[in-house]
Amino acid sequence: MKGYRTVLLNIVAALPMIADVVLAMNSEGLQELIPAEWVPLYTLGVILANVYLRTITTTPLGRKA
């Protein structure tokens, strides 16, 4: 898993946004997982998490130390 933490975080962080798009395409009237007013805060959280992971990551992607 070492070397893939940032990639995994980004995949997990993208899932609610992907779900929102799929729900919007398939059905009208369902609520969004991430309300529009929370998207900027959600994005900021993902960016800060990525910055933090980069500071603790010492191995290149896919390589074990």
C-alpha atoms as a PDB file:
ATOM      1  CA  MET A   1       0.000   0.000   0.000  1.00  0.00           C
ATOM      2  CA  LYS A   2       2.938   2.281   0.551  1.00  0.00           C
ATOM      3  CA  GLY A   3       3.288   4.652  -2.358  1.00  0.00           C
ATOM      4  CA  TYR A   4      -0.408   4.531  -3.210  1.00  0.00           C
ATOM      5  CA  ARG A   5      -1.956   6.443  -0.290  1.00  0.00           C
ATOM      6  CA  THR A   6      -2.413   9.676  -2.234  1.00  0.00           C
ATOM      7  CA  VAL A   7      -3.910   7.852  -5.212  1.00  0.00           C
ATOM      8  CA  LEU A   8      -6.286   5.948  -2.934  1.00  0.00           C
ATOM      9  CA  LEU A   9      -7.340   9.156  -1.177  1.00  0.00           C
ATOM     10  CA  ASN A  10      -8.129  10.805  -4.512  1.00  0.00           C
ATOM     11  CA  ILE A  11     -10.193   7.837  -5.682  1.00  0.00           C
ATOM     12  CA  VAL A  12     -12.174   7.754  -2.436  1.00  0.00           C
ATOM     13  CA  ALA A  13     -12.625  11.541  -2.523  1.00  0.00           C
ATOM     14  CA  ALA A  14     -13.945  11.389  -6.090  1.00  0.00           C
ATOM     15  CA  LEU A  15     -16.614   8.773  -5.342  1.00  0.00           C
ATOM     16  CA  PRO A  16     -19.250  11.159  -3.897  1.00  0.00           C
ATOM     17  CA  MET A  17     -18.843  13.514  -6.862  1.00  0.00           C
ATOM     18  CA  ILE A  18     -19.168  10.623  -9.318  1.00  0.00           C
ATOM     19  CA  ALA A  19     -22.241   9.373  -7.441  1.00  0.00           C
ATOM     20  CA  ASP A  20     -23.801  12.845  -7.673  1.00  0.00           C
ATOM     21  CA  VAL A  21     -23.339  12.864 -11.435  1.00  0.00           C
ATOM     22  CA  VAL A  22     -24.767   9.353 -11.824  1.00  0.00           C
ATOM     23  CA  LEU A  23     -27.772  10.165  -9.616  1.00  0.00           C
ATOM     24  CA  ALA A  24     -28.419  13.386 -11.527  1.00  0.00           C
ATOM     25  CA  MET A  25     -28.297  11.552 -14.846  1.00  0.00           C
ATOM     26  CA  ASN A  26     -30.563   8.700 -13.719  1.00  0.00           C
ATOM     27  CA  SER A  27     -33.211  10.360 -11.600  1.00  0.00           C
ATOM     28  CA  GLU A  28     -34.765  13.702 -10.921  1.00  0.00           C
ATOM     29  CA  GLY A  29     -35.554  14.753  -7.378  1.00  0.00           C
ATOM     30  CA  LEU A  30     -32.898  12.788  -5.518  1.00  0.00           C
ATOM     31  CA  GLN A  31     -30.714  14.871  -3.218  1.00  0.00           C
ATOM     32  CA  GLU A  32     -27.048  15.360  -3.903  1.00  0.00           C
ATOM     33  CA  LEU A  33     -24.486  13.621  -1.705  1.00  0.00           C
ATOM     34  CA  ILE A  34     -22.494  16.841  -1.564  1.00  0.00           C
ATOM     35  CA  PRO A  35     -24.737  19.926  -1.494  1.00  0.00           C
ATOM     36  CA  ALA A  36     -23.614  22.691  -3.867  1.00  0.00           C
ATOM     37  CA  GLU A  37     -22.734  25.056  -1.001  1.00  0.00           C
ATOM     38  CA  TRP A  38     -20.380  22.423   0.487  1.00  0.00           C
ATOM     39  CA  VAL A  39     -18.409  21.707  -2.720  1.00  0.00           C
ATOM     40  CA  PRO A  40     -15.779  24.443  -2.061  1.00  0.00           C
ATOM     41  CA  LEU A  41     -15.154  23.114   1.468  1.00  0.00           C
ATOM     42  CA  TYR A  42     -15.032  19.532   0.208  1.00  0.00           C
ATOM     43  CA  THR A  43     -12.516  20.530  -2.456  1.00  0.00           C
ATOM     44  CA  LEU A  44     -10.394  22.395   0.093  1.00  0.00           C
ATOM     45  CA  GLY A  45     -10.403  19.332   2.352  1.00  0.00           C
ATOM     46  CA  VAL A  46      -9.239  17.078  -0.484  1.00  0.00           C
ATOM     47  CA  ILE A  47      -6.455  19.514  -1.393  1.00  0.00           C
ATOM     48  CA  LEU A  48      -5.275  19.780   2.224  1.00  0.00           C
ATOM     49  CA  ALA A  49      -5.334  15.988   2.594  1.00  0.00           C
ATOM     50  CA  ASN A  50      -3.244  15.650  -0.576  1.00  0.00           C
ATOM     51  CA  VAL A  51      -0.713  18.194   0.668  1.00  0.00           C
ATOM     52  CA  TYR A  52      -0.466  16.365   3.993  1.00  0.00           C
ATOM     53  CA  LEU A  53       0.010  12.984   2.297  1.00  0.00           C
ATOM     54  CA  ARG A  54       2.742  14.416   0.085  1.00  0.00           C
ATOM     55  CA  THR A  55       4.615  15.622   3.175  1.00  0.00           C
ATOM     56  CA  ILE A  56       4.628  12.140   4.737  1.00  0.00           C
ATOM     57  CA  THR A  57       5.213  10.162   1.522  1.00  0.00           C
ATOM     58  CA  THR A  58       8.807   9.173   0.966  1.00  0.00           C
ATOM     59  CA  THR A  59       8.435   6.535  -1.720  1.00  0.00           C
ATOM     60  CA  PRO A  60       7.625   6.917  -5.395  1.00  0.00           C
ATOM     61  CA  LEU A  61       4.290   5.621  -6.654  1.00  0.00           C
ATOM     62  CA  GLY A  62       4.199   1.825  -6.565  1.00  0.00           C
ATOM     63  CA  ARG A  63       7.586   1.348  -4.910  1.00  0.00           C
ATOM     64  CA  LYS A  64       8.206  -0.052  -1.468  1.00  0.00           C
ATOM     65  CA  ALA A  65      10.882   1.445   0.715  1.00  0.00           C
END
